[in-house]
C-alpha atoms as a PDB file:
ATOM      1  CA  MET A   1      -8.210 -42.179  33.871  1.00  0.00           C
ATOM      2  CA  SER A   2      -4.355 -42.755  33.340  1.00  0.00           C
ATOM      3  CA  ASP A   3      -4.827 -45.027  30.541  1.00  0.00           C
ATOM      4  CA  GLY A   4      -6.883 -42.965  28.852  1.00  0.00           C
ATOM      5  CA  ALA A   5      -4.723 -40.088  28.883  1.00  0.00           C
ATOM      6  CA  GLU A   6      -1.791 -42.215  27.890  1.00  0.00           C
ATOM      7  CA  ALA A   7      -3.819 -43.354  24.616  1.00  0.00           C
ATOM      8  CA  ILE A   8      -4.330 -39.855  24.062  1.00  0.00           C
ATOM      9  CA  LEU A   9      -0.645 -38.819  24.814  1.00  0.00           C
ATOM     10  CA  ASN A  10       0.649 -41.625  22.740  1.00  0.00           C
ATOM     11  CA  ASN A  11      -1.884 -40.863  19.402  1.00  0.00           C
ATOM     12  CA  THR A  12      -0.580 -37.264  19.372  1.00  0.00           C
ATOM     13  CA  THR A  13       2.737 -38.401  19.840  1.00  0.00           C
ATOM     14  CA  ARG A  14       2.780 -41.032  16.544  1.00  0.00           C
ATOM     15  CA  ALA A  15       0.653 -37.602  14.589  1.00  0.00           C
ATOM     16  CA  ARG A  16       3.573 -35.438  15.390  1.00  0.00           C
ATOM     17  CA  GLU A  17       5.845 -38.215  14.040  1.00  0.00           C
ATOM     18  CA  SER A  18       4.378 -38.395  11.083  1.00  0.00           C
ATOM     19  CA  LEU A  19       3.982 -35.069  10.325  1.00  0.00           C
ATOM     20  CA  ASP A  20       7.369 -34.874  10.893  1.00  0.00           C
ATOM     21  CA  SER A  21       8.240 -37.294   8.772  1.00  0.00           C
ATOM     22  CA  SER A  22       5.681 -36.413   5.415  1.00  0.00           C
ATOM     23  CA  ASP A  23       7.068 -35.824   1.964  1.00  0.00           C
ATOM     24  CA  ILE A  24       5.766 -32.398   1.903  1.00  0.00           C
ATOM     25  CA  ALA A  25       7.461 -30.334   0.042  1.00  0.00           C
ATOM     26  CA  PRO A  26       8.157 -26.826   1.632  1.00  0.00           C
ATOM     27  CA  LEU A  27       6.800 -23.945  -0.191  1.00  0.00           C
ATOM     28  CA  SER A  28       9.082 -21.777  -2.833  1.00  0.00           C
ATOM     29  CA  THR A  29      10.015 -18.103  -2.543  1.00  0.00           C
ATOM     30  CA  LYS A  30       7.676 -17.932  -6.198  1.00  0.00           C
ATOM     31  CA  THR A  31       4.862 -19.253  -4.140  1.00  0.00           C
ATOM     32  CA  LEU A  32       4.732 -17.324  -1.162  1.00  0.00           C
ATOM     33  CA  GLU A  33       5.749 -14.342  -3.534  1.00  0.00           C
ATOM     34  CA  LYS A  34       2.451 -15.168  -5.443  1.00  0.00           C
ATOM     35  CA  SER A  35       0.175 -15.896  -2.359  1.00  0.00           C
ATOM     36  CA  VAL A  36       1.235 -12.187  -0.545  1.00  0.00           C
ATOM     37  CA  VAL A  37       1.181 -10.312  -3.995  1.00  0.00           C
ATOM     38  CA  PRO A  38      -3.151 -11.089  -4.050  1.00  0.00           C
ATOM     39  CA  ILE A  39      -2.994 -10.469  -0.642  1.00  0.00           C
ATOM     40  CA  ALA A  40      -1.598  -7.171  -0.952  1.00  0.00           C
ATOM     41  CA  TRP A  41      -3.489  -6.001  -3.394  1.00  0.00           C
ATOM     42  CA  LYS A  42      -7.011  -6.722  -2.006  1.00  0.00           C
ATOM     43  CA  SER A  43      -5.746  -5.534   1.338  1.00  0.00           C
ATOM     44  CA  LEU A  44      -5.283  -2.153  -0.629  1.00  0.00           C
ATOM     45  CA  LEU A  45      -8.551  -2.088  -2.895  1.00  0.00           C
ATOM     46  CA  SER A  46     -10.384  -3.028   0.709  1.00  0.00           C
ATOM     47  CA  ASP A  47      -8.452   0.414   1.632  1.00  0.00           C
ATOM     48  CA  TRP A  48     -10.017   2.786  -1.154  1.00  0.00           C
ATOM     49  CA  GLY A  49     -13.273   1.227  -1.069  1.00  0.00           C
ATOM     50  CA  THR A  50     -13.803   1.698   2.893  1.00  0.00           C
ATOM     51  CA  GLY A  51     -12.644   5.399   1.959  1.00  0.00           C
ATOM     52  CA  ALA A  52     -14.712   6.231  -0.956  1.00  0.00           C
ATOM     53  CA  ILE A  53     -17.644   5.236   1.176  1.00  0.00           C
ATOM     54  CA  ILE A  54     -18.487   8.910   2.124  1.00  0.00           C
ATOM     55  CA  PRO A  55     -17.810  10.254  -0.733  1.00  0.00           C
ATOM     56  CA  VAL A  56     -19.824   8.167  -2.816  1.00  0.00           C
ATOM     57  CA  VAL A  57     -22.514   8.512  -0.154  1.00  0.00           C
ATOM     58  CA  THR A  58     -21.929  11.906  -0.644  1.00  0.00           C
ATOM     59  CA  ILE A  59     -22.264  12.102  -4.456  1.00  0.00           C
ATOM     60  CA  VAL A  60     -25.172  10.038  -4.788  1.00  0.00           C
ATOM     61  CA  LEU A  61     -27.550  12.213  -2.226  1.00  0.00           C
ATOM     62  CA  TRP A  62     -26.323  15.212  -3.866  1.00  0.00           C
ATOM     63  CA  GLN A  63     -27.444  13.946  -7.067  1.00  0.00           C
ATOM     64  CA  LEU A  64     -30.589  13.272  -5.728  1.00  0.00           C
ATOM     65  CA  ALA A  65     -31.166  16.346  -4.411  1.00  0.00           C
ATOM     66  CA  GLY A  66     -30.480  18.304  -7.353  1.00  0.00           C
ATOM     67  CA  SER A  67     -32.501  16.235  -9.612  1.00  0.00           C
ATOM     68  CA  THR A  68     -36.104  16.567  -7.398  1.00  0.00           C
ATOM     69  CA  GLY A  69     -34.970  20.016  -6.955  1.00  0.00           C
ATOM     70  CA  LEU A  70     -34.305  20.220  -3.101  1.00  0.00           C
ATOM     71  CA  ILE A  71     -31.349  22.337  -3.891  1.00  0.00           C
ATOM     72  CA  SER A  72     -30.665  25.263  -6.409  1.00  0.00           C
ATOM     73  CA  ALA A  73     -28.355  24.236  -9.304  1.00  0.00           C
ATOM     74  CA  GLN A  74     -27.683  27.793  -9.538  1.00  0.00           C
ATOM     75  CA  PHE A  75     -26.103  27.653  -5.255  1.00  0.00           C
ATOM     76  CA  LEU A  76     -25.426  24.098  -5.631  1.00  0.00           C
ATOM     77  CA  PRO A  77     -24.986  22.212  -9.175  1.00  0.00           C
ATOM     78  CA  THR A  78     -25.781  18.357  -9.505  1.00  0.00           C
ATOM     79  CA  PRO A  79     -22.339  16.065  -9.610  1.00  0.00           C
ATOM     80  CA  LEU A  80     -23.565  15.334 -13.658  1.00  0.00           C
ATOM     81  CA  SER A  81     -23.123  19.088 -14.658  1.00  0.00           C
ATOM     82  CA  ILE A  82     -19.990  19.625 -12.882  1.00  0.00           C
ATOM     83  CA  ALA A  83     -18.404  16.433 -14.504  1.00  0.00           C
ATOM     84  CA  ARG A  84     -20.025  18.087 -17.713  1.00  0.00           C
ATOM     85  CA  ALA A  85     -17.738  20.831 -17.684  1.00  0.00           C
ATOM     86  CA  PHE A  86     -15.085  19.675 -16.634  1.00  0.00           C
ATOM     87  CA  THR A  87     -15.222  16.849 -20.039  1.00  0.00           C
ATOM     88  CA  GLY A  88     -15.798  20.320 -22.149  1.00  0.00           C
ATOM     89  CA  LEU A  89     -13.230  22.338 -20.231  1.00  0.00           C
ATOM     90  CA  LEU A  90     -10.328  18.776 -21.014  1.00  0.00           C
ATOM     91  CA  VAL A  91     -11.927  18.245 -24.258  1.00  0.00           C
ATOM     92  CA  THR A  92     -10.860  21.999 -25.473  1.00  0.00           C
ATOM     93  CA  GLY A  93      -7.142  21.722 -23.729  1.00  0.00           C
ATOM     94  CA  GLU A  94      -8.171  24.746 -21.596  1.00  0.00           C
ATOM     95  CA  LEU A  95      -7.964  22.518 -18.152  1.00  0.00           C
ATOM     96  CA  THR A  96      -5.217  21.066 -18.781  1.00  0.00           C
ATOM     97  CA  HIS A  97      -2.994  24.258 -19.757  1.00  0.00           C
ATOM     98  CA  HIS A  98      -4.136  26.165 -16.621  1.00  0.00           C
ATOM     99  CA  LEU A  99      -3.339  23.162 -14.612  1.00  0.00           C
ATOM    100  CA  GLY A 100      -0.192  22.607 -15.887  1.00  0.00           C
ATOM    101  CA  VAL A 101       1.100  26.201 -15.439  1.00  0.00           C
ATOM    102  CA  SER A 102      -0.430  25.841 -11.753  1.00  0.00           C
ATOM    103  CA  MET A 103       1.697  22.872 -11.272  1.00  0.00           C
ATOM    104  CA  GLY A 104       4.818  24.500 -12.656  1.00  0.00           C
ATOM    105  CA  ARG A 105       4.451  27.611  -9.820  1.00  0.00           C
ATOM    106  CA  ALA A 106       3.877  25.134  -7.256  1.00  0.00           C
ATOM    107  CA  GLY A 107       7.104  22.825  -8.573  1.00  0.00           C
ATOM    108  CA  VAL A 108       9.400  26.036  -8.341  1.00  0.00           C
ATOM    109  CA  GLY A 109       7.988  27.576  -5.163  1.00  0.00           C
ATOM    110  CA  PHE A 110       8.195  24.504  -3.565  1.00  0.00           C
ATOM    111  CA  LEU A 111      11.934  23.837  -4.576  1.00  0.00           C
ATOM    112  CA  ILE A 112      13.200  27.051  -3.482  1.00  0.00           C
ATOM    113  CA  GLY A 113      11.339  27.631  -0.498  1.00  0.00           C
ATOM    114  CA  GLY A 114      12.166  23.657   0.488  1.00  0.00           C
ATOM    115  CA  VAL A 115      15.623  24.046   0.082  1.00  0.00           C
ATOM    116  CA  LEU A 116      16.045  26.761   1.456  1.00  0.00           C
ATOM    117  CA  GLY A 117      14.120  25.963   4.792  1.00  0.00           C
ATOM    118  CA  LEU A 118      16.082  22.388   4.786  1.00  0.00           C
ATOM    119  CA  LEU A 119      19.368  24.926   4.708  1.00  0.00           C
ATOM    120  CA  PHE A 120      18.633  27.164   7.319  1.00  0.00           C
ATOM    121  CA  GLY A 121      17.067  24.430   9.653  1.00  0.00           C
ATOM    122  CA  VAL A 122      20.305  22.498   9.485  1.00  0.00           C
ATOM    123  CA  LEU A 123      22.274  25.185  10.270  1.00  0.00           C
ATOM    124  CA  THR A 124      20.619  25.866  13.196  1.00  0.00           C
ATOM    125  CA  GLY A 125      19.809  22.712  14.573  1.00  0.00           C
ATOM    126  CA  LEU A 126      23.839  22.334  14.500  1.00  0.00           C
ATOM    127  CA  PHE A 127      24.822  25.666  15.390  1.00  0.00           C
ATOM    128  CA  ARG A 128      23.297  26.868  18.750  1.00  0.00           C
ATOM    129  CA  SER A 129      25.085  30.698  17.794  1.00  0.00           C
ATOM    130  CA  VAL A 130      23.206  30.386  14.159  1.00  0.00           C
ATOM    131  CA  GLU A 131      19.860  29.171  16.445  1.00  0.00           C
ATOM    132  CA  TYR A 132      20.297  32.501  18.301  1.00  0.00           C
ATOM    133  CA  VAL A 133      20.927  34.926  15.461  1.00  0.00           C
ATOM    134  CA  LEU A 134      18.268  33.401  13.396  1.00  0.00           C
ATOM    135  CA  ASP A 135      15.396  31.823  14.703  1.00  0.00           C
ATOM    136  CA  PRO A 136      13.800  34.527  16.851  1.00  0.00           C
ATOM    137  CA  SER A 137      13.407  36.311  13.427  1.00  0.00           C
ATOM    138  CA  VAL A 138      11.835  33.360  10.924  1.00  0.00           C
ATOM    139  CA  GLN A 139       9.739  32.378  14.689  1.00  0.00           C
ATOM    140  CA  VAL A 140       8.125  36.223  13.949  1.00  0.00           C
ATOM    141  CA  LEU A 141       7.936  35.887  10.117  1.00  0.00           C
ATOM    142  CA  ARG A 142       6.585  32.613  10.746  1.00  0.00           C
ATOM    143  CA  LEU A 143       2.962  34.149  12.092  1.00  0.00           C
ATOM    144  CA  VAL A 144       2.329  36.184   9.575  1.00  0.00           C
ATOM    145  CA  PRO A 145      -0.346  34.656   7.522  1.00  0.00           C
ATOM    146  CA  HIS A 146      -0.209  34.335   3.225  1.00  0.00           C
ATOM    147  CA  LEU A 147      -2.981  36.767   2.825  1.00  0.00           C
ATOM    148  CA  ALA A 148      -1.623  39.085   5.046  1.00  0.00           C
ATOM    149  CA  ILE A 149       1.661  39.466   3.160  1.00  0.00           C
ATOM    150  CA  ALA A 150       0.548  38.446   0.148  1.00  0.00           C
ATOM    151  CA  PRO A 151      -0.768  41.915  -1.132  1.00  0.00           C
ATOM    152  CA  LEU A 152       2.749  43.594  -0.101  1.00  0.00           C
ATOM    153  CA  ILE A 153       4.498  40.650  -2.280  1.00  0.00           C
ATOM    154  CA  ILE A 154       2.224  42.094  -5.237  1.00  0.00           C
ATOM    155  CA  LEU A 155       3.188  45.238  -4.399  1.00  0.00           C
ATOM    156  CA  TRP A 156       7.069  44.833  -4.612  1.00  0.00           C
ATOM    157  CA  PHE A 157       7.233  42.482  -7.284  1.00  0.00           C
ATOM    158  CA  GLY A 158       4.191  42.995  -9.272  1.00  0.00           C
ATOM    159  CA  PHE A 159       1.362  40.728 -11.033  1.00  0.00           C
ATOM    160  CA  GLY A 160       4.223  38.516 -12.805  1.00  0.00           C
ATOM    161  CA  GLU A 161       5.173  34.975 -11.866  1.00  0.00           C
ATOM    162  CA  MET A 162       7.937  36.028  -9.955  1.00  0.00           C
ATOM    163  CA  SER A 163       5.522  37.371  -7.039  1.00  0.00           C
ATOM    164  CA  LYS A 164       3.196  33.892  -7.273  1.00  0.00           C
ATOM    165  CA  VAL A 165       6.350  32.212  -6.893  1.00  0.00           C
ATOM    166  CA  VAL A 166       7.534  34.319  -3.958  1.00  0.00           C
ATOM    167  CA  ILE A 167       4.423  33.224  -2.280  1.00  0.00           C
ATOM    168  CA  ILE A 168       4.335  30.016  -2.172  1.00  0.00           C
ATOM    169  CA  LEU A 169       8.340  29.721  -1.298  1.00  0.00           C
ATOM    170  CA  THR A 170       7.140  32.193   1.731  1.00  0.00           C
ATOM    171  CA  GLY A 171       4.766  29.300   2.819  1.00  0.00           C
ATOM    172  CA  SER A 172       6.923  26.205   1.687  1.00  0.00           C
ATOM    173  CA  PHE A 173       9.979  27.517   3.576  1.00  0.00           C
ATOM    174  CA  PHE A 174       8.700  27.371   7.120  1.00  0.00           C
ATOM    175  CA  PRO A 175       7.109  23.867   7.905  1.00  0.00           C
ATOM    176  CA  LEU A 176      10.219  22.621   6.445  1.00  0.00           C
ATOM    177  CA  TYR A 177      12.859  24.622   8.399  1.00  0.00           C
ATOM    178  CA  ILE A 178      10.998  24.008  11.625  1.00  0.00           C
ATOM    179  CA  ASN A 179      10.716  20.284  11.281  1.00  0.00           C
ATOM    180  CA  THR A 180      14.526  19.768   9.908  1.00  0.00           C
ATOM    181  CA  PHE A 181      15.412  22.363  12.963  1.00  0.00           C
ATOM    182  CA  MET A 182      13.862  19.764  15.437  1.00  0.00           C
ATOM    183  CA  GLY A 183      14.766  16.409  13.837  1.00  0.00           C
ATOM    184  CA  ILE A 184      17.602  17.293  14.362  1.00  0.00           C
ATOM    185  CA  ARG A 185      17.781  18.614  17.687  1.00  0.00           C
ATOM    186  CA  ASN A 186      15.922  15.384  18.993  1.00  0.00           C
ATOM    187  CA  VAL A 187      18.571  13.887  17.502  1.00  0.00           C
ATOM    188  CA  ASP A 188      19.812  11.230  20.682  1.00  0.00           C
ATOM    189  CA  ASN A 189      23.339  12.936  21.806  1.00  0.00           C
ATOM    190  CA  LYS A 190      24.298   9.163  23.080  1.00  0.00           C
ATOM    191  CA  LEU A 191      25.049   8.686  18.676  1.00  0.00           C
ATOM    192  CA  PHE A 192      26.883  11.940  18.989  1.00  0.00           C
ATOM    193  CA  GLU A 193      29.443  10.705  21.403  1.00  0.00           C
ATOM    194  CA  VAL A 194      29.993   7.642  19.371  1.00  0.00           C
ATOM    195  CA  SER A 195      30.527   9.726  16.206  1.00  0.00           C
ATOM    196  CA  ARG A 196      33.469  11.161  18.181  1.00  0.00           C
ATOM    197  CA  VAL A 197      34.239   7.810  19.334  1.00  0.00           C
ATOM    198  CA  LEU A 198      34.765   6.260  16.378  1.00  0.00           C
ATOM    199  CA  GLY A 199      36.536  10.283  14.836  1.00  0.00           C
ATOM    200  CA  PHE A 200      33.757  10.960  12.439  1.00  0.00           C
ATOM    201  CA  SER A 201      34.358  13.548  10.737  1.00  0.00           C
ATOM    202  CA  PRO A 202      31.852  16.788  10.668  1.00  0.00           C
ATOM    203  CA  TYR A 203      30.805  15.531   6.714  1.00  0.00           C
ATOM    204  CA  GLN A 204      30.535  11.994   8.011  1.00  0.00           C
ATOM    205  CA  ARG A 205      28.563  12.837  11.103  1.00  0.00           C
ATOM    206  CA  LEU A 206      25.975  14.961   9.260  1.00  0.00           C
ATOM    207  CA  ARG A 207      25.836  12.387   6.542  1.00  0.00           C
ATOM    208  CA  ARG A 208      25.738   8.869   8.661  1.00  0.00           C
ATOM    209  CA  LEU A 209      24.530   9.960  11.832  1.00  0.00           C
ATOM    210  CA  ILE A 210      22.459  13.568  11.951  1.00  0.00           C
ATOM    211  CA  LEU A 211      20.549  13.532   8.903  1.00  0.00           C
ATOM    212  CA  PRO A 212      19.252   9.514   9.044  1.00  0.00           C
ATOM    213  CA  ALA A 213      18.361  10.503  12.755  1.00  0.00           C
ATOM    214  CA  ALA A 214      16.390  13.207  11.716  1.00  0.00           C
ATOM    215  CA  LEU A 215      14.930  11.793   8.828  1.00  0.00           C
ATOM    216  CA  PRO A 216      11.550  11.244   9.738  1.00  0.00           C
ATOM    217  CA  GLY A 217      11.382  14.754  11.042  1.00  0.00           C
ATOM    218  CA  ILE A 218      13.035  16.235   7.337  1.00  0.00           C
ATOM    219  CA  LEU A 219       9.892  13.979   5.878  1.00  0.00           C
ATOM    220  CA  LEU A 220       7.130  15.382   7.723  1.00  0.00           C
ATOM    221  CA  GLY A 221       8.446  18.905   6.877  1.00  0.00           C
ATOM    222  CA  LEU A 222       8.428  17.950   3.124  1.00  0.00           C
ATOM    223  CA  ARG A 223       4.717  17.141   3.204  1.00  0.00           C
ATOM    224  CA  LEU A 224       3.613  20.218   5.434  1.00  0.00           C
ATOM    225  CA  SER A 225       5.353  22.264   3.278  1.00  0.00           C
ATOM    226  CA  LEU A 226       3.571  21.092  -0.083  1.00  0.00           C
ATOM    227  CA  ALA A 227       0.564  21.468   1.430  1.00  0.00           C
ATOM    228  CA  VAL A 228       0.956  24.627   2.443  1.00  0.00           C
ATOM    229  CA  ALA A 229       2.653  25.383  -1.104  1.00  0.00           C
ATOM    230  CA  TRP A 230      -0.134  24.262  -2.517  1.00  0.00           C
ATOM    231  CA  ILE A 231      -2.541  26.685  -0.311  1.00  0.00           C
ATOM    232  CA  GLY A 232      -0.062  29.117  -1.407  1.00  0.00           C
ATOM    233  CA  LEU A 233      -0.798  28.680  -5.120  1.00  0.00           C
ATOM    234  CA  VAL A 234      -4.159  29.187  -4.464  1.00  0.00           C
ATOM    235  CA  VAL A 235      -3.754  32.513  -2.494  1.00  0.00           C
ATOM    236  CA  ALA A 236      -1.340  33.553  -5.581  1.00  0.00           C
ATOM    237  CA  GLU A 237      -3.654  32.529  -8.260  1.00  0.00           C
ATOM    238  CA  LEU A 238      -6.449  34.003  -6.704  1.00  0.00           C
ATOM    239  CA  ILE A 239      -5.326  37.658  -6.290  1.00  0.00           C
ATOM    240  CA  GLY A 240      -3.647  37.823  -9.282  1.00  0.00           C
ATOM    241  CA  SER A 241      -3.653  36.046 -12.536  1.00  0.00           C
ATOM    242  CA  GLN A 242      -3.900  35.633 -16.012  1.00  0.00           C
ATOM    243  CA  SER A 243      -3.904  31.903 -15.841  1.00  0.00           C
ATOM    244  CA  GLY A 244      -3.464  28.966 -13.399  1.00  0.00           C
ATOM    245  CA  ILE A 245      -6.413  26.476 -12.282  1.00  0.00           C
ATOM    246  CA  GLY A 246      -6.647  29.947  -9.489  1.00  0.00           C
ATOM    247  CA  PHE A 247      -7.187  31.899 -12.729  1.00  0.00           C
ATOM    248  CA  LEU A 248      -9.710  29.484 -13.762  1.00  0.00           C
ATOM    249  CA  ILE A 249     -11.731  29.775 -10.527  1.00  0.00           C
ATOM    250  CA  ASN A 250     -11.740  33.871 -10.000  1.00  0.00           C
ATOM    251  CA  GLU A 251     -13.181  34.256 -14.168  1.00  0.00           C
ATOM    252  CA  ALA A 252     -15.495  31.372 -13.508  1.00  0.00           C
ATOM    253  CA  LYS A 253     -16.874  33.547 -10.460  1.00  0.00           C
ATOM    254  CA  GLN A 254     -17.190  36.639 -12.526  1.00  0.00           C
ATOM    255  CA  ASN A 255     -19.575  34.970 -15.154  1.00  0.00           C
ATOM    256  CA  SER A 256     -21.025  33.282 -12.421  1.00  0.00           C
ATOM    257  CA  ASN A 257     -20.159  29.891 -14.193  1.00  0.00           C
ATOM    258  CA  THR A 258     -20.590  27.994 -10.669  1.00  0.00           C
ATOM    259  CA  GLU A 259     -20.211  24.375 -12.154  1.00  0.00           C
ATOM    260  CA  VAL A 260     -16.343  25.625 -13.721  1.00  0.00           C
ATOM    261  CA  VAL A 261     -15.627  26.810 -10.165  1.00  0.00           C
ATOM    262  CA  PHE A 262     -16.444  23.778  -8.510  1.00  0.00           C
ATOM    263  CA  VAL A 263     -14.258  22.098 -11.446  1.00  0.00           C
ATOM    264  CA  GLY A 264     -11.710  24.031 -10.250  1.00  0.00           C
ATOM    265  CA  ILE A 265     -12.002  23.285  -6.734  1.00  0.00           C
ATOM    266  CA  ILE A 266     -12.089  19.558  -6.902  1.00  0.00           C
ATOM    267  CA  ILE A 267      -8.989  19.658  -9.178  1.00  0.00           C
ATOM    268  CA  PHE A 268      -7.130  21.449  -6.424  1.00  0.00           C
ATOM    269  CA  ALA A 269      -8.413  18.720  -4.211  1.00  0.00           C
ATOM    270  CA  ILE A 270      -7.815  15.397  -6.113  1.00  0.00           C
ATOM    271  CA  VAL A 271      -4.040  16.538  -7.401  1.00  0.00           C
ATOM    272  CA  GLY A 272      -2.870  17.424  -3.592  1.00  0.00           C
ATOM    273  CA  LYS A 273      -4.495  14.241  -2.524  1.00  0.00           C
ATOM    274  CA  LEU A 274      -2.438  12.626  -5.118  1.00  0.00           C
ATOM    275  CA  ILE A 275       0.871  14.359  -4.307  1.00  0.00           C
ATOM    276  CA  ASP A 276       0.215  14.400  -0.325  1.00  0.00           C
ATOM    277  CA  SER A 277       0.033  10.102  -1.304  1.00  0.00           C
ATOM    278  CA  LEU A 278       2.918   9.763  -3.098  1.00  0.00           C
ATOM    279  CA  PHE A 279       4.866  11.760  -0.488  1.00  0.00           C
ATOM    280  CA  ARG A 280       3.190   8.953   2.068  1.00  0.00           C
ATOM    281  CA  ILE A 281       4.679   6.340   0.027  1.00  0.00           C
ATOM    282  CA  ILE A 282       7.970   7.967  -0.496  1.00  0.00           C
ATOM    283  CA  GLU A 283       8.122   8.302   3.407  1.00  0.00           C
ATOM    284  CA  ARG A 284       7.338   4.649   4.022  1.00  0.00           C
ATOM    285  CA  LYS A 285       9.657   3.122   1.937  1.00  0.00           C
ATOM    286  CA  CYS A 286      12.652   5.433   3.551  1.00  0.00           C
ATOM    287  CA  LEU A 287      11.596   5.048   6.917  1.00  0.00           C
ATOM    288  CA  PHE A 288      11.187   0.745   6.181  1.00  0.00           C
ATOM    289  CA  TRP A 289      12.939   0.322   9.463  1.00  0.00           C
ATOM    290  CA  ARG A 290      10.870   2.283  11.348  1.00  0.00           C
ATOM    291  CA  ASP A 291       8.356  -0.430  13.642  1.00  0.00           C
ATOM    292  CA  SER A 292       5.578   2.459  14.503  1.00  0.00           C
ATOM    293  CA  TYR A 293       2.063   1.470  15.463  1.00  0.00           C
ATOM    294  CA  GLU A 294      -0.483   1.667  12.937  1.00  0.00           C
ATOM    295  CA  GLY A 295      -3.583   1.442  14.065  1.00  0.00           C
END
């Protein structure tokens, strides 16, 4: 038994020495990059394919149920008829016009509300006295639903663009305010002590310490603010508007054109998802240093 074990050990040693002394060249950086890129694309396509299973199955069953007459076309038009309505609106340019108007409104409202939310969140997060003055009022206003305050905003500002932008910015303000405030308050107090030891000025402390540490909360607030701004856009355009995707849905509802109603709903869903995915990519790039659990 000892002779057999010694022979196995000697063979293993010789094999290891032959591998170490072999002339196998190390992989170059370009070779590694070429091998990693296809793997990343395959992983991404695999994720997309997995996520598309439920929508594809739903569309197929939906089309079959509509084609066989199990579902009324007036109640639930088939995906093919919705696609034809979408193509017709796209060819005439009506869809791109209304989508551009809606994107412009959402962008302006989100920009104003986001800047105000970030500013007030930083102030209340840094200064307890400002928190005592502002935060109670902000929290009360935050609990007022969009649908409750929208008629009052229209009464104040009329049916023009101003009222729609105000509805959108009131929705986008609160998520960013709260997440910025909580992100700053969750910064480790030891970092503030380090900044005092290093002699940082208030501006240096804010730029090099507070905002980077609060960045995960701020980015989460941006995503939530954008989602609420998109919902506020729907509310604003459905209540009173002469253009936009919401107006397109409202006009189709009055004309009993269910296909166009579905086109508007799908446009809202797809554009909202694309914008949210864009912000997720930005968040991943900005927080590349964070080693979090991914499931």
